[in-house]
Amino acid sequence: MEPTEHPAAVSPEALLAQCSFRTTRRSGPGGQHRNKVETAVILTHEPTGVRAEANERRSQADNREQALQRLRVELALRIRIARENPSALWRRRVSEGKLKVNPSHQDFPALLAEILDFWLPRHAEFGELAERLGTTASQLIKFLKLEPRALAMVNQARSADGKRPYQ
């Protein structure tokens, strides 16, 4: 991993290589299979200690995939890196000022991390940030609404600065 690459942006395989993997049983719906087989998955990113879990599926493989996506989002929310310019991924994902990505897509956590990496250290207005990132403020806010904890982080910082929250 390059020093400037966010952990949420590395390939799933590379991220898994940095993680400890644990399985366990969980109670709840799913019948006998769920109660007798260790299908719940807990991933811990060793360099940061950030952890994510999934247990809602009956398949360990499905839960591992879900836990990995959750881990990537957690890393996007918790880890900040210094950025000077938008990444190649960002430039590929912004088309005609629009930022299009589904929250369940593999690229979502990396893009979320990028917005937070640019915004949180500076507390700039989203208009300024959007111009720098080649999109609009409304596109950035719409994107943050896909992960309510990210919007809450931004609004908490804005509140501390005496600014109105984004809706």
Protein backbone atom coordinates (compact mmCIF):
# COMPACT_ATOMS: atom_id res chain seq x y z
CA MET A 1 0.00 0.00 0.00
CA GLU A 2 1.38 3.38 -0.96
CA PRO A 3 1.59 5.90 1.89
CA THR A 4 -0.99 8.11 0.17
CA GLU A 5 -3.47 5.29 -0.51
CA HIS A 6 -6.36 5.08 1.90
CA PRO A 7 -6.95 1.61 3.38
CA ALA A 8 -10.57 1.77 2.13
CA ALA A 9 -9.22 2.15 -1.41
CA VAL A 10 -6.98 -0.91 -1.58
CA SER A 11 -8.21 -4.00 -3.38
CA PRO A 12 -10.37 -6.40 -1.37
CA GLU A 13 -7.63 -9.03 -1.60
CA ALA A 14 -4.95 -6.64 -0.30
CA LEU A 15 -7.23 -5.48 2.51
CA LEU A 16 -8.03 -9.05 3.54
CA ALA A 17 -4.29 -9.74 3.69
CA GLN A 18 -4.04 -6.98 6.32
CA CYS A 19 -6.85 -8.43 8.42
CA SER A 20 -7.33 -11.09 11.04
CA PHE A 21 -10.33 -13.27 10.32
CA ARG A 22 -12.50 -14.93 12.95
CA THR A 23 -15.71 -16.92 12.69
CA THR A 24 -18.29 -17.52 15.38
CA ARG A 25 -21.89 -18.58 15.90
CA ARG A 26 -24.68 -16.13 16.43
CA SER A 27 -28.22 -16.74 17.59
CA GLY A 28 -31.31 -15.54 15.80
CA PRO A 29 -33.35 -16.50 12.76
CA GLY A 30 -31.86 -18.92 10.27
CA GLY A 31 -32.78 -22.24 11.73
CA GLN A 32 -30.64 -25.10 12.82
CA HIS A 33 -27.83 -24.31 10.37
CA ARG A 34 -27.23 -20.88 11.87
CA ASN A 35 -27.15 -22.18 15.43
CA LYS A 36 -24.72 -25.05 14.76
CA VAL A 37 -22.29 -23.61 12.23
CA GLU A 38 -19.86 -20.72 12.63
CA THR A 39 -21.13 -18.51 9.81
CA ALA A 40 -20.66 -15.11 11.51
CA VAL A 41 -17.48 -13.34 10.37
CA ILE A 42 -15.41 -10.77 12.26
CA LEU A 43 -12.64 -8.93 10.40
CA THR A 44 -10.07 -6.77 12.19
CA HIS A 45 -7.76 -4.51 10.19
CA GLU A 46 -4.50 -5.18 12.01
CA PRO A 47 -2.68 -1.88 11.23
CA THR A 48 -5.55 0.24 12.63
CA GLY A 49 -7.55 -2.06 14.91
CA VAL A 50 -10.76 -1.15 13.06
CA ARG A 51 -13.18 -4.06 13.04
CA ALA A 52 -16.37 -5.10 11.26
CA GLU A 53 -18.73 -8.01 11.56
CA ALA A 54 -21.48 -9.67 9.54
CA ASN A 55 -23.79 -12.45 10.64
CA GLU A 56 -27.08 -12.01 8.86
CA ARG A 57 -26.46 -14.54 6.08
CA ARG A 58 -26.43 -18.32 6.37
CA SER A 59 -23.24 -18.55 4.34
CA GLN A 60 -19.84 -17.75 5.80
CA ALA A 61 -18.65 -16.58 2.37
CA ASP A 62 -21.57 -14.14 2.07
CA ASN A 63 -20.93 -12.85 5.59
CA ARG A 64 -17.23 -12.41 4.83
CA GLU A 65 -18.07 -10.30 1.78
CA GLN A 66 -20.50 -8.18 3.82
CA ALA A 67 -18.02 -7.81 6.69
CA LEU A 68 -15.34 -6.68 4.23
CA GLN A 69 -17.61 -3.99 2.78
CA ARG A 70 -18.51 -2.83 6.31
CA LEU A 71 -14.83 -2.76 7.25
CA ARG A 72 -14.03 -0.60 4.23
CA VAL A 73 -16.78 1.87 5.23
CA GLU A 74 -15.51 1.92 8.84
CA LEU A 75 -12.00 2.65 7.59
CA ALA A 76 -13.38 5.43 5.38
CA LEU A 77 -15.07 6.99 8.41
CA ARG A 78 -12.21 6.63 10.90
CA ILE A 79 -8.93 7.01 9.00
CA ARG A 80 -7.75 10.30 7.47
CA ILE A 81 -4.87 10.75 5.07
CA ALA A 82 -3.48 13.95 3.55
CA ARG A 83 -4.58 14.55 -0.02
CA GLU A 84 -3.53 17.18 -2.50
CA ASN A 85 -5.41 16.08 -5.62
CA PRO A 86 -8.36 13.86 -6.47
CA SER A 87 -7.46 10.23 -7.10
CA ALA A 88 -7.69 8.47 -10.45
CA LEU A 89 -10.69 6.58 -9.08
CA TRP A 90 -12.42 9.85 -8.23
CA ARG A 91 -11.75 11.26 -11.68
CA ARG A 92 -13.16 8.09 -13.29
CA ARG A 93 -16.29 8.19 -11.14
CA VAL A 94 -17.17 11.85 -11.71
CA SER A 95 -18.77 12.36 -15.09
CA GLU A 96 -20.17 15.72 -16.20
CA GLY A 97 -20.17 16.89 -12.58
CA LYS A 98 -22.14 13.86 -11.38
CA LEU A 99 -20.83 11.37 -8.85
CA LYS A 100 -22.52 8.05 -9.44
CA VAL A 101 -21.94 5.04 -7.21
CA ASN A 102 -24.18 2.71 -5.27
CA PRO A 103 -23.41 2.38 -1.52
CA SER A 104 -22.96 -1.37 -1.94
CA HIS A 105 -20.42 -0.94 -4.75
CA GLN A 106 -16.78 -1.72 -4.03
CA ASP A 107 -15.75 1.87 -4.90
CA PHE A 108 -18.14 3.53 -2.43
CA PRO A 109 -15.87 3.39 0.68
CA ALA A 110 -12.85 4.75 -1.20
CA LEU A 111 -14.86 7.68 -2.56
CA LEU A 112 -16.37 8.35 0.86
CA ALA A 113 -12.88 8.38 2.39
CA GLU A 114 -11.72 10.80 -0.29
CA ILE A 115 -14.48 13.32 0.42
CA LEU A 116 -13.79 13.16 4.16
CA ASP A 117 -10.01 13.35 3.63
CA PHE A 118 -10.43 16.56 1.65
CA TRP A 119 -13.12 18.14 3.81
CA LEU A 120 -12.43 17.30 7.47
CA PRO A 121 -8.95 18.85 7.83
CA ARG A 122 -10.03 22.09 6.15
CA HIS A 123 -13.72 22.46 7.06
CA ALA A 124 -14.14 24.20 3.71
CA GLU A 125 -17.52 25.01 2.27
CA PHE A 126 -18.78 22.23 0.05
CA GLY A 127 -18.94 24.64 -2.89
CA GLU A 128 -15.18 25.15 -2.72
CA LEU A 129 -14.54 21.44 -2.25
CA ALA A 130 -16.91 20.50 -5.08
CA GLU A 131 -15.13 22.83 -7.48
CA ARG A 132 -11.81 21.25 -6.56
CA LEU A 133 -13.28 17.76 -7.05
CA GLY A 134 -15.05 18.54 -10.33
CA THR A 135 -18.61 18.15 -9.08
CA THR A 136 -21.26 20.18 -7.24
CA ALA A 137 -21.93 20.76 -3.56
CA SER A 138 -25.33 19.11 -3.89
CA GLN A 139 -23.69 16.00 -5.39
CA LEU A 140 -21.28 15.79 -2.44
CA ILE A 141 -24.07 16.18 0.13
CA LYS A 142 -26.26 13.67 -1.72
CA PHE A 143 -23.34 11.23 -1.67
CA LEU A 144 -22.73 11.75 2.07
CA LYS A 145 -26.40 11.06 2.76
CA LEU A 146 -25.78 7.52 1.50
CA GLU A 147 -23.73 6.98 4.69
CA PRO A 148 -25.54 8.91 7.45
CA ARG A 149 -22.59 8.63 9.86
CA ALA A 150 -20.42 10.56 7.40
CA LEU A 151 -22.98 13.34 7.08
CA ALA A 152 -23.26 13.41 10.89
CA MET A 153 -19.46 13.80 11.16
CA VAL A 154 -19.49 16.72 8.75
CA ASN A 155 -22.46 18.34 10.48
CA GLN A 156 -20.86 17.91 13.91
CA ALA A 157 -17.73 19.69 12.67
CA ARG A 158 -19.85 22.42 11.07
CA SER A 159 -21.76 22.87 14.32
CA ALA A 160 -18.49 23.22 16.24
CA ASP A 161 -17.52 25.93 13.73
CA GLY A 162 -20.83 27.73 14.34
CA LYS A 163 -22.24 26.80 10.91
CA ARG A 164 -25.61 25.37 9.99
CA PRO A 165 -25.76 21.64 9.27
CA TYR A 166 -26.28 20.27 5.80
CA GLN A 167 -29.68 18.71 5.29
